[in-house]
């Protein structure tokens, strides 16, 4: 059964939107919780919980919103939760006191506009590239220069290597123009490659039997998974984004990996 919960990244805004479409039931509750976990794994500037399609909110939906708020607060650094809701849900959330501490907007555009005005980005640069043979090298140099400019020289090798793998995948598989983005978010360096192909990548398992020739396709993503603090992929409005994070604070490093999908 196809899920009625959609996860959509917005690289330009640095946010992740969780969209709930359809009536509330046990399956939607599970899918919503899973989508919130995946969205928070990317450590966005904010998590937008889009409930605008809910016309007759179930009482259990309030509990789901509370759980999303708690999960966002437990992430380090914390990720704020922003709601998009219609009048019926707004009234229910007001009745239980949630509107006093959670920002609620009528549209995604209004929520994004408020975030742009109120939430600092700390640092963000982007580079648009064509899917040519020299694109991975250009992406690598761009991220390397950025990391040095931000005085994060100890992350230079890891950051350059990760973005090189992500850019190479964009060139070889998506074969569309793509954008490399580097963002400094509190204790994290966030690297992302957005392209026009909606097909999400996957890590290919190594051949299990001794002596079996290895298929080296997917080795690059395995390197990203082993090097990054967290990584993942999600759909965007025009294709997909593949991202990875590195910890900028020494005490936050080597804490294990959280895959975002």
Protein backbone atom coordinates (compact mmCIF):
# COMPACT_ATOMS: atom_id res chain seq x y z
CA UNK A 1 0.00 0.00 0.00
CA UNK A 2 1.37 3.41 -0.97
CA UNK A 3 2.05 5.74 1.94
CA UNK A 4 0.05 8.94 2.26
CA UNK A 5 3.01 10.63 3.95
CA UNK A 6 5.54 12.34 1.69
CA UNK A 7 9.00 13.64 2.61
CA UNK A 8 10.31 16.55 0.55
CA UNK A 9 13.57 18.44 0.93
CA UNK A 10 14.10 22.10 0.07
CA UNK A 11 17.81 22.70 -0.47
CA UNK A 12 17.42 26.41 -1.08
CA UNK A 13 15.64 26.95 2.25
CA UNK A 14 17.54 24.25 4.13
CA UNK A 15 14.30 22.72 5.38
CA UNK A 16 12.53 19.36 5.21
CA UNK A 17 8.76 19.15 4.71
CA UNK A 18 6.68 16.20 5.94
CA UNK A 19 3.38 16.19 4.05
CA UNK A 20 0.37 14.28 5.34
CA UNK A 21 -2.36 13.69 2.76
CA UNK A 22 -5.50 11.72 3.57
CA UNK A 23 -7.43 10.57 6.62
CA UNK A 24 -5.72 9.55 9.83
CA UNK A 25 -5.33 5.85 10.59
CA UNK A 26 -2.83 3.45 12.16
CA UNK A 27 -0.79 3.13 8.94
CA UNK A 28 -0.51 6.90 8.55
CA UNK A 29 0.58 7.20 12.20
CA UNK A 30 3.45 4.77 11.61
CA UNK A 31 4.45 6.38 8.30
CA UNK A 32 4.36 9.85 9.84
CA UNK A 33 6.65 8.82 12.70
CA UNK A 34 9.06 7.25 10.22
CA UNK A 35 9.06 10.34 8.00
CA UNK A 36 9.76 12.62 10.98
CA UNK A 37 12.76 10.49 11.97
CA UNK A 38 14.12 10.56 8.43
CA UNK A 39 13.59 14.28 8.09
CA UNK A 40 15.35 15.04 11.37
CA UNK A 41 18.31 12.87 10.38
CA UNK A 42 19.22 15.53 7.80
CA UNK A 43 19.52 18.16 10.57
CA UNK A 44 17.58 20.81 8.63
CA UNK A 45 17.12 24.42 9.75
CA UNK A 46 13.54 23.43 10.54
CA UNK A 47 11.13 20.55 10.03
CA UNK A 48 7.85 21.63 8.40
CA UNK A 49 4.96 19.38 9.32
CA UNK A 50 2.39 20.06 6.59
CA UNK A 51 -1.05 19.03 7.84
CA UNK A 52 -3.03 21.45 5.66
CA UNK A 53 -4.87 18.58 3.94
CA UNK A 54 -6.38 17.40 7.23
CA UNK A 55 -9.98 18.65 7.33
CA UNK A 56 -11.28 16.59 10.27
CA UNK A 57 -8.34 16.06 12.65
CA UNK A 58 -8.30 12.90 14.72
CA UNK A 59 -7.50 13.44 18.43
CA UNK A 60 -4.52 11.09 18.06
CA UNK A 61 -2.96 13.54 15.61
CA UNK A 62 -2.23 15.88 18.50
CA UNK A 63 -0.12 13.15 20.07
CA UNK A 64 1.78 12.73 16.81
CA UNK A 65 2.54 16.45 16.73
CA UNK A 66 3.80 16.32 20.31
CA UNK A 67 6.01 13.35 19.46
CA UNK A 68 7.47 15.22 16.47
CA UNK A 69 8.20 18.22 18.70
CA UNK A 70 9.96 16.01 21.26
CA UNK A 71 12.02 14.25 18.58
CA UNK A 72 13.12 17.58 17.12
CA UNK A 73 14.15 18.82 20.56
CA UNK A 74 16.16 15.65 21.22
CA UNK A 75 18.32 16.07 18.10
CA UNK A 76 21.70 17.71 18.64
CA UNK A 77 21.60 20.48 17.65
CA UNK A 78 17.81 20.73 18.15
CA UNK A 79 15.61 21.12 15.06
CA UNK A 80 12.58 23.42 15.46
CA UNK A 81 9.16 22.13 14.38
CA UNK A 82 6.92 24.39 12.29
CA UNK A 83 3.31 23.44 11.53
CA UNK A 84 1.18 24.17 8.48
CA UNK A 85 -2.48 23.58 9.33
CA UNK A 86 -6.03 24.53 8.44
CA UNK A 87 -8.62 26.10 10.73
CA UNK A 88 -10.01 22.85 12.17
CA UNK A 89 -6.64 21.53 13.26
CA UNK A 90 -5.57 24.99 14.47
CA UNK A 91 -8.60 25.09 16.79
CA UNK A 92 -7.82 21.61 18.17
CA UNK A 93 -4.16 22.47 18.77
CA UNK A 94 -5.17 25.74 20.42
CA UNK A 95 -7.49 23.86 22.76
CA UNK A 96 -4.59 21.80 24.12
CA UNK A 97 -2.19 24.75 24.34
CA UNK A 98 0.16 23.81 21.52
CA UNK A 99 -0.25 27.05 19.59
CA UNK A 100 1.38 28.93 22.45
CA UNK A 101 4.74 27.29 21.82
CA UNK A 102 4.66 25.98 18.23
CA UNK A 103 4.52 28.32 15.22
CA UNK A 104 1.55 27.50 12.97
CA UNK A 105 0.98 28.92 9.49
CA UNK A 106 -1.79 28.56 6.94
CA UNK A 107 0.57 27.85 4.00
CA UNK A 108 4.05 26.47 3.40
CA UNK A 109 5.03 29.74 1.72
CA UNK A 110 4.13 31.71 4.86
CA UNK A 111 6.12 29.29 7.02
CA UNK A 112 9.18 29.50 4.75
CA UNK A 113 8.98 33.29 4.69
CA UNK A 114 8.90 33.43 8.50
CA UNK A 115 11.88 31.08 8.74
CA UNK A 116 13.87 33.18 6.28
CA UNK A 117 13.29 36.26 8.43
CA UNK A 118 13.82 34.68 11.84
CA UNK A 119 16.20 31.71 11.57
CA UNK A 120 19.93 32.33 11.07
CA UNK A 121 21.61 30.10 8.49
CA UNK A 122 25.12 30.58 9.97
CA UNK A 123 26.76 29.99 6.59
CA UNK A 124 25.70 28.70 3.19
CA UNK A 125 27.24 28.60 -0.29
CA UNK A 126 26.16 26.89 -3.51
CA UNK A 127 27.59 26.04 -6.91
CA UNK A 128 25.57 25.13 -10.03
CA UNK A 129 27.24 22.61 -12.34
CA UNK A 130 26.61 20.83 -15.62
CA UNK A 131 26.97 17.00 -15.75
CA UNK A 132 30.38 16.99 -17.44
CA UNK A 133 33.59 15.06 -16.79
CA UNK A 134 35.17 17.93 -14.86
CA UNK A 135 32.16 18.59 -12.63
CA UNK A 136 33.26 16.33 -9.70
CA UNK A 137 36.64 18.08 -9.65
CA UNK A 138 34.96 21.49 -9.61
CA UNK A 139 32.67 20.38 -6.78
CA UNK A 140 35.64 19.03 -4.82
CA UNK A 141 37.60 22.27 -5.19
CA UNK A 142 34.57 24.39 -4.31
CA UNK A 143 33.90 22.51 -1.08
CA UNK A 144 37.58 22.40 -0.20
CA UNK A 145 37.92 26.18 -0.54
CA UNK A 146 34.75 26.67 1.51
CA UNK A 147 35.91 24.39 4.33
CA UNK A 148 39.23 26.23 4.55
CA UNK A 149 37.50 29.62 4.50
CA UNK A 150 35.35 28.46 7.43
CA UNK A 151 38.48 27.36 9.32
CA UNK A 152 37.48 23.69 9.25
CA UNK A 153 40.74 22.38 7.82
CA UNK A 154 40.55 19.09 9.73
CA UNK A 155 37.42 18.23 7.71
CA UNK A 156 39.06 19.04 4.37
CA UNK A 157 39.77 15.49 3.17
CA UNK A 158 36.46 14.03 4.31
CA UNK A 159 34.39 16.89 2.88
CA UNK A 160 36.16 16.90 -0.48
CA UNK A 161 35.91 13.12 -0.80
CA UNK A 162 32.22 12.99 0.12
CA UNK A 163 31.15 15.72 -2.29
CA UNK A 164 33.28 14.16 -5.03
CA UNK A 165 31.38 10.88 -4.67
CA UNK A 166 27.99 12.61 -4.61
CA UNK A 167 28.84 14.75 -7.63
CA UNK A 168 30.16 11.72 -9.54
CA UNK A 169 26.88 9.91 -8.94
CA UNK A 170 24.96 12.94 -10.20
CA UNK A 171 27.05 13.01 -13.38
CA UNK A 172 26.91 9.26 -14.05
CA UNK A 173 23.32 8.48 -13.05
CA UNK A 174 21.19 11.62 -13.03
CA UNK A 175 22.90 13.20 -16.05
CA UNK A 176 21.15 16.49 -15.31
CA UNK A 177 22.46 19.88 -14.15
CA UNK A 178 23.04 19.74 -10.40
CA UNK A 179 23.75 22.01 -7.47
CA UNK A 180 26.34 21.54 -4.73
CA UNK A 181 25.51 23.18 -1.42
CA UNK A 182 27.64 23.51 1.71
CA UNK A 183 26.02 24.79 4.89
CA UNK A 184 27.44 25.36 8.33
CA UNK A 185 24.71 24.65 10.88
CA UNK A 186 25.85 25.06 14.48
CA UNK A 187 28.04 21.99 15.15
CA UNK A 188 27.52 20.48 11.68
CA UNK A 189 28.87 20.86 8.18
CA UNK A 190 26.05 19.89 5.82
CA UNK A 191 26.92 18.88 2.24
CA UNK A 192 24.24 18.32 -0.40
CA UNK A 193 24.01 17.56 -4.11
CA UNK A 194 20.64 18.21 -5.75
CA UNK A 195 19.86 16.95 -9.26
CA UNK A 196 16.87 16.53 -11.55
CA UNK A 197 16.48 12.75 -11.31
CA UNK A 198 13.89 11.57 -8.74
CA UNK A 199 15.40 8.06 -8.45
CA UNK A 200 16.91 7.69 -4.96
CA UNK A 201 20.34 6.03 -4.61
CA UNK A 202 21.14 2.92 -2.64
CA UNK A 203 24.25 1.26 -1.29
CA UNK A 204 24.98 -2.04 -3.03
CA UNK A 205 26.01 -4.87 -0.70
CA UNK A 206 29.37 -6.49 -1.24
CA UNK A 207 29.33 -10.05 -2.61
CA UNK A 208 29.12 -12.32 0.46
CA UNK A 209 30.98 -15.37 -0.86
CA UNK A 210 34.74 -15.58 -0.64
CA UNK A 211 36.41 -15.46 -4.01
CA UNK A 212 33.40 -13.87 -5.73
CA UNK A 213 34.23 -10.93 -7.95
CA UNK A 214 32.97 -7.71 -6.41
CA UNK A 215 30.69 -5.38 -8.27
CA UNK A 216 32.27 -2.03 -7.44
CA UNK A 217 29.14 -0.07 -8.28
CA UNK A 218 27.94 1.60 -5.09
CA UNK A 219 31.37 1.67 -3.44
CA UNK A 220 31.27 5.48 -3.44
CA UNK A 221 28.07 5.62 -1.41
CA UNK A 222 29.47 3.04 0.98
CA UNK A 223 32.43 5.37 1.54
CA UNK A 224 30.05 8.26 2.21
CA UNK A 225 28.11 6.13 4.71
CA UNK A 226 31.31 5.16 6.53
CA UNK A 227 32.77 8.68 6.59
CA UNK A 228 29.82 10.96 7.31
CA UNK A 229 28.20 11.47 10.69
CA UNK A 230 24.87 10.95 8.92
CA UNK A 231 23.71 10.80 5.32
CA UNK A 232 20.62 10.14 3.25
CA UNK A 233 18.48 11.19 0.32
CA UNK A 234 14.98 12.49 -0.31
CA UNK A 235 12.81 13.83 -3.07
CA UNK A 236 12.63 17.53 -3.89
CA UNK A 237 10.10 19.43 -5.98
CA UNK A 238 12.29 18.91 -9.08
CA UNK A 239 14.20 15.67 -8.44
CA UNK A 240 16.19 14.58 -5.39
CA UNK A 241 18.88 15.67 -2.98
CA UNK A 242 21.60 13.44 -1.52
CA UNK A 243 23.19 14.85 1.63
CA UNK A 244 25.81 14.10 4.24
CA UNK A 245 26.86 15.77 7.48
CA UNK A 246 30.18 16.06 9.29
CA UNK A 247 30.57 17.24 12.88
CA UNK A 248 32.51 20.49 13.26
CA UNK A 249 32.82 20.22 17.06
CA UNK A 250 35.41 17.62 18.16
CA UNK A 251 33.20 16.33 21.00
CA UNK A 252 30.38 15.65 18.51
CA UNK A 253 32.45 13.45 16.23
CA UNK A 254 32.66 9.68 16.06
CA UNK A 255 29.16 9.25 17.47
CA UNK A 256 28.01 6.71 14.91
CA UNK A 257 25.92 7.08 11.79
CA UNK A 258 22.23 7.78 11.37
CA UNK A 259 20.98 7.04 7.89
CA UNK A 260 18.22 9.30 6.69
CA UNK A 261 16.29 6.83 4.52
